[in-house]
Amino acid sequence: RSTTIGRKPNMTESAKLRQIQILSTMLDVIHGQLLDFPEHLAACWNYSSNLVEGKDAMNVGQLLGWDKDSLMTYYTQESAKHKSSVSLHENEKSIIVPPPLQLFMNRLIRANERVAKTCRRQLNRLI
């Protein structure tokens, strides 16, 4: 479940819009850095995936000195503290991103996907 609802329950639409725009802008900056300086790229990972679904977090963990078993143990313990099997209901989603802001949120999602795609492409060129 999202912590966004509990974090700032009275956040105005304009504040939410500003937050979405700032995140989108930062992703654009990251994208530009990936294109301009691919030789400085060390790793890419999907922070939304877990260790079982993908290799991303495991690869970064090993890059930072974790062995596979220790990282899996730590990850399992930490993710159990924060995970919920209950998905957000539509009305909860509209509280986080009101319908008038959905267009901006879609742009943020596309920017995030573009960064992920570019990161993987650049990393594969360096390997």
C-alpha atoms as a PDB file:
ATOM      1  CA  ARG A   1       0.000   0.000   0.000  1.00  0.00           C
ATOM      2  CA  SER A   2       1.190   3.458  -0.737  1.00  0.00           C
ATOM      3  CA  THR A   3       2.604   5.553   2.058  1.00  0.00           C
ATOM      4  CA  THR A   4       1.752   8.673   0.078  1.00  0.00           C
ATOM      5  CA  ILE A   5      -1.774   8.871   1.480  1.00  0.00           C
ATOM      6  CA  GLY A   6      -0.587   8.813   5.081  1.00  0.00           C
ATOM      7  CA  ARG A   7       2.476  10.971   4.495  1.00  0.00           C
ATOM      8  CA  LYS A   8       0.711  14.188   3.508  1.00  0.00           C
ATOM      9  CA  PRO A   9      -3.037  13.631   3.667  1.00  0.00           C
ATOM     10  CA  ASN A  10      -3.886  17.300   3.105  1.00  0.00           C
ATOM     11  CA  MET A  11      -1.516  17.946   0.212  1.00  0.00           C
ATOM     12  CA  THR A  12      -3.155  20.307  -2.270  1.00  0.00           C
ATOM     13  CA  GLU A  13      -3.527  19.479  -5.945  1.00  0.00           C
ATOM     14  CA  SER A  14      -1.095  22.236  -6.839  1.00  0.00           C
ATOM     15  CA  ALA A  15       1.492  20.764  -4.432  1.00  0.00           C
ATOM     16  CA  LYS A  16       0.976  17.320  -5.964  1.00  0.00           C
ATOM     17  CA  LEU A  17       1.368  18.795  -9.450  1.00  0.00           C
ATOM     18  CA  ARG A  18       4.575  20.543  -8.399  1.00  0.00           C
ATOM     19  CA  GLN A  19       5.921  17.285  -6.952  1.00  0.00           C
ATOM     20  CA  ILE A  20       5.110  15.351 -10.140  1.00  0.00           C
ATOM     21  CA  GLN A  21       6.710  18.058 -12.300  1.00  0.00           C
ATOM     22  CA  ILE A  22       9.881  18.139 -10.192  1.00  0.00           C
ATOM     23  CA  LEU A  23      10.236  14.356 -10.382  1.00  0.00           C
ATOM     24  CA  SER A  24       9.651  14.431 -14.148  1.00  0.00           C
ATOM     25  CA  THR A  25      12.265  17.157 -14.548  1.00  0.00           C
ATOM     26  CA  MET A  26      14.805  15.238 -12.484  1.00  0.00           C
ATOM     27  CA  LEU A  27      14.215  12.146 -14.623  1.00  0.00           C
ATOM     28  CA  ASP A  28      14.847  14.297 -17.698  1.00  0.00           C
ATOM     29  CA  VAL A  29      18.143  15.440 -16.149  1.00  0.00           C
ATOM     30  CA  ILE A  30      19.113  11.846 -15.385  1.00  0.00           C
ATOM     31  CA  HIS A  31      18.227  10.866 -18.952  1.00  0.00           C
ATOM     32  CA  GLY A  32      20.446  13.633 -20.313  1.00  0.00           C
ATOM     33  CA  GLN A  33      23.315  12.522 -18.082  1.00  0.00           C
ATOM     34  CA  LEU A  34      22.930   8.938 -19.310  1.00  0.00           C
ATOM     35  CA  LEU A  35      23.177  10.125 -22.901  1.00  0.00           C
ATOM     36  CA  ASP A  36      26.017  12.605 -22.348  1.00  0.00           C
ATOM     37  CA  PHE A  37      28.203  10.532 -20.026  1.00  0.00           C
ATOM     38  CA  PRO A  38      27.565   6.814 -20.628  1.00  0.00           C
ATOM     39  CA  GLU A  39      31.139   5.992 -19.599  1.00  0.00           C
ATOM     40  CA  HIS A  40      30.291   7.017 -16.021  1.00  0.00           C
ATOM     41  CA  LEU A  41      27.436   4.533 -15.734  1.00  0.00           C
ATOM     42  CA  ALA A  42      28.103   1.863 -13.117  1.00  0.00           C
ATOM     43  CA  ALA A  43      24.764   0.051 -12.810  1.00  0.00           C
ATOM     44  CA  CYS A  44      21.045   0.121 -13.482  1.00  0.00           C
ATOM     45  CA  TRP A  45      18.371  -1.397 -11.320  1.00  0.00           C
ATOM     46  CA  ASN A  46      14.645  -1.433 -10.951  1.00  0.00           C
ATOM     47  CA  TYR A  47      13.979  -0.392  -7.371  1.00  0.00           C
ATOM     48  CA  SER A  48      10.381  -1.592  -7.695  1.00  0.00           C
ATOM     49  CA  SER A  49      11.293  -5.207  -8.414  1.00  0.00           C
ATOM     50  CA  ASN A  50      12.196  -7.653  -5.718  1.00  0.00           C
ATOM     51  CA  LEU A  51      15.236  -9.904  -5.652  1.00  0.00           C
ATOM     52  CA  VAL A  52      13.280 -12.962  -6.699  1.00  0.00           C
ATOM     53  CA  GLU A  53      11.678 -11.330  -9.780  1.00  0.00           C
ATOM     54  CA  GLY A  54      14.804  -9.810 -11.233  1.00  0.00           C
ATOM     55  CA  LYS A  55      18.552  -9.641 -11.034  1.00  0.00           C
ATOM     56  CA  ASP A  56      18.765  -5.850 -10.760  1.00  0.00           C
ATOM     57  CA  ALA A  57      18.902  -5.457  -6.997  1.00  0.00           C
ATOM     58  CA  MET A  58      21.093  -8.551  -6.649  1.00  0.00           C
ATOM     59  CA  ASN A  59      23.588  -7.150  -9.159  1.00  0.00           C
ATOM     60  CA  VAL A  60      23.774  -3.837  -7.307  1.00  0.00           C
ATOM     61  CA  GLY A  61      24.049  -5.645  -3.972  1.00  0.00           C
ATOM     62  CA  GLN A  62      26.990  -7.658  -5.227  1.00  0.00           C
ATOM     63  CA  LEU A  63      28.548  -4.514  -6.667  1.00  0.00           C
ATOM     64  CA  LEU A  64      28.339  -3.046  -3.148  1.00  0.00           C
ATOM     65  CA  GLY A  65      29.944  -6.098  -1.558  1.00  0.00           C
ATOM     66  CA  TRP A  66      26.968  -8.205  -0.443  1.00  0.00           C
ATOM     67  CA  ASP A  67      27.043 -11.943  -1.004  1.00  0.00           C
ATOM     68  CA  LYS A  68      23.862 -13.480  -2.419  1.00  0.00           C
ATOM     69  CA  ASP A  69      22.720 -15.291   0.740  1.00  0.00           C
ATOM     70  CA  SER A  70      23.284 -12.338   3.085  1.00  0.00           C
ATOM     71  CA  LEU A  71      21.497  -9.954   0.730  1.00  0.00           C
ATOM     72  CA  MET A  72      18.518 -12.318   0.335  1.00  0.00           C
ATOM     73  CA  THR A  73      18.234 -12.703   4.119  1.00  0.00           C
ATOM     74  CA  TYR A  74      18.388  -8.956   4.714  1.00  0.00           C
ATOM     75  CA  TYR A  75      16.001  -8.209   1.835  1.00  0.00           C
ATOM     76  CA  THR A  76      13.453 -10.769   3.018  1.00  0.00           C
ATOM     77  CA  GLN A  77      13.479  -9.371   6.566  1.00  0.00           C
ATOM     78  CA  GLU A  78      13.187  -5.737   5.458  1.00  0.00           C
ATOM     79  CA  SER A  79      10.584  -6.272   2.759  1.00  0.00           C
ATOM     80  CA  ALA A  80       8.376  -8.219   5.187  1.00  0.00           C
ATOM     81  CA  LYS A  81       8.215  -5.099   7.390  1.00  0.00           C
ATOM     82  CA  HIS A  82       6.920  -2.875   4.604  1.00  0.00           C
ATOM     83  CA  LYS A  83       5.001  -5.102   2.217  1.00  0.00           C
ATOM     84  CA  SER A  84       1.263  -5.367   1.933  1.00  0.00           C
ATOM     85  CA  SER A  85      -0.593  -7.789  -0.289  1.00  0.00           C
ATOM     86  CA  VAL A  86      -3.527  -5.402  -0.574  1.00  0.00           C
ATOM     87  CA  SER A  87      -3.618  -3.282  -3.721  1.00  0.00           C
ATOM     88  CA  LEU A  88      -4.873   0.260  -3.759  1.00  0.00           C
ATOM     89  CA  HIS A  89      -8.532   0.750  -4.559  1.00  0.00           C
ATOM     90  CA  GLU A  90      -9.467   3.134  -7.367  1.00  0.00           C
ATOM     91  CA  ASN A  91     -10.667   5.797  -4.912  1.00  0.00           C
ATOM     92  CA  GLU A  92      -7.318   5.608  -3.078  1.00  0.00           C
ATOM     93  CA  LYS A  93      -5.461   5.979  -6.376  1.00  0.00           C
ATOM     94  CA  SER A  94      -7.495   9.088  -7.179  1.00  0.00           C
ATOM     95  CA  ILE A  95      -6.554  10.546  -3.779  1.00  0.00           C
ATOM     96  CA  ILE A  96      -2.860  10.142  -4.593  1.00  0.00           C
ATOM     97  CA  VAL A  97      -3.212  11.351  -8.184  1.00  0.00           C
ATOM     98  CA  PRO A  98      -6.472  13.226  -8.751  1.00  0.00           C
ATOM     99  CA  PRO A  99      -7.945  12.765 -12.260  1.00  0.00           C
ATOM    100  CA  PRO A 100      -6.933  16.279 -13.435  1.00  0.00           C
ATOM    101  CA  LEU A 101      -3.282  15.368 -12.687  1.00  0.00           C
ATOM    102  CA  GLN A 102      -3.313  11.965 -14.377  1.00  0.00           C
ATOM    103  CA  LEU A 103      -1.934  13.413 -17.627  1.00  0.00           C
ATOM    104  CA  PHE A 104       1.105  14.743 -15.725  1.00  0.00           C
ATOM    105  CA  MET A 105       1.497  11.442 -13.894  1.00  0.00           C
ATOM    106  CA  ASN A 106       1.456   9.583 -17.216  1.00  0.00           C
ATOM    107  CA  ARG A 107       4.309  11.821 -18.359  1.00  0.00           C
ATOM    108  CA  LEU A 108       6.237  10.970 -15.182  1.00  0.00           C
ATOM    109  CA  ILE A 109       5.702   7.263 -15.835  1.00  0.00           C
ATOM    110  CA  ARG A 110       6.924   7.622 -19.444  1.00  0.00           C
ATOM    111  CA  ALA A 111       9.988   9.585 -18.264  1.00  0.00           C
ATOM    112  CA  ASN A 112      10.807   6.835 -15.779  1.00  0.00           C
ATOM    113  CA  GLU A 113      10.432   4.156 -18.443  1.00  0.00           C
ATOM    114  CA  ARG A 114      12.647   6.154 -20.837  1.00  0.00           C
ATOM    115  CA  VAL A 115      15.397   6.434 -18.206  1.00  0.00           C
ATOM    116  CA  ALA A 116      15.226   2.702 -17.491  1.00  0.00           C
ATOM    117  CA  LYS A 117      15.383   1.808 -21.194  1.00  0.00           C
ATOM    118  CA  THR A 118      18.263   4.200 -21.880  1.00  0.00           C
ATOM    119  CA  CYS A 119      20.175   3.027 -18.808  1.00  0.00           C
ATOM    120  CA  ARG A 120      19.975  -0.607 -19.864  1.00  0.00           C
ATOM    121  CA  ARG A 121      20.898   0.225 -23.463  1.00  0.00           C
ATOM    122  CA  GLN A 122      23.923   2.286 -22.382  1.00  0.00           C
ATOM    123  CA  LEU A 123      25.039  -0.337 -19.871  1.00  0.00           C
ATOM    124  CA  ASN A 124      24.844  -3.086 -22.526  1.00  0.00           C
ATOM    125  CA  ARG A 125      27.031  -0.999 -24.831  1.00  0.00           C
ATOM    126  CA  LEU A 126      29.670  -0.699 -22.108  1.00  0.00           C
ATOM    127  CA  ILE A 127      29.779  -4.407 -21.299  1.00  0.00           C
END
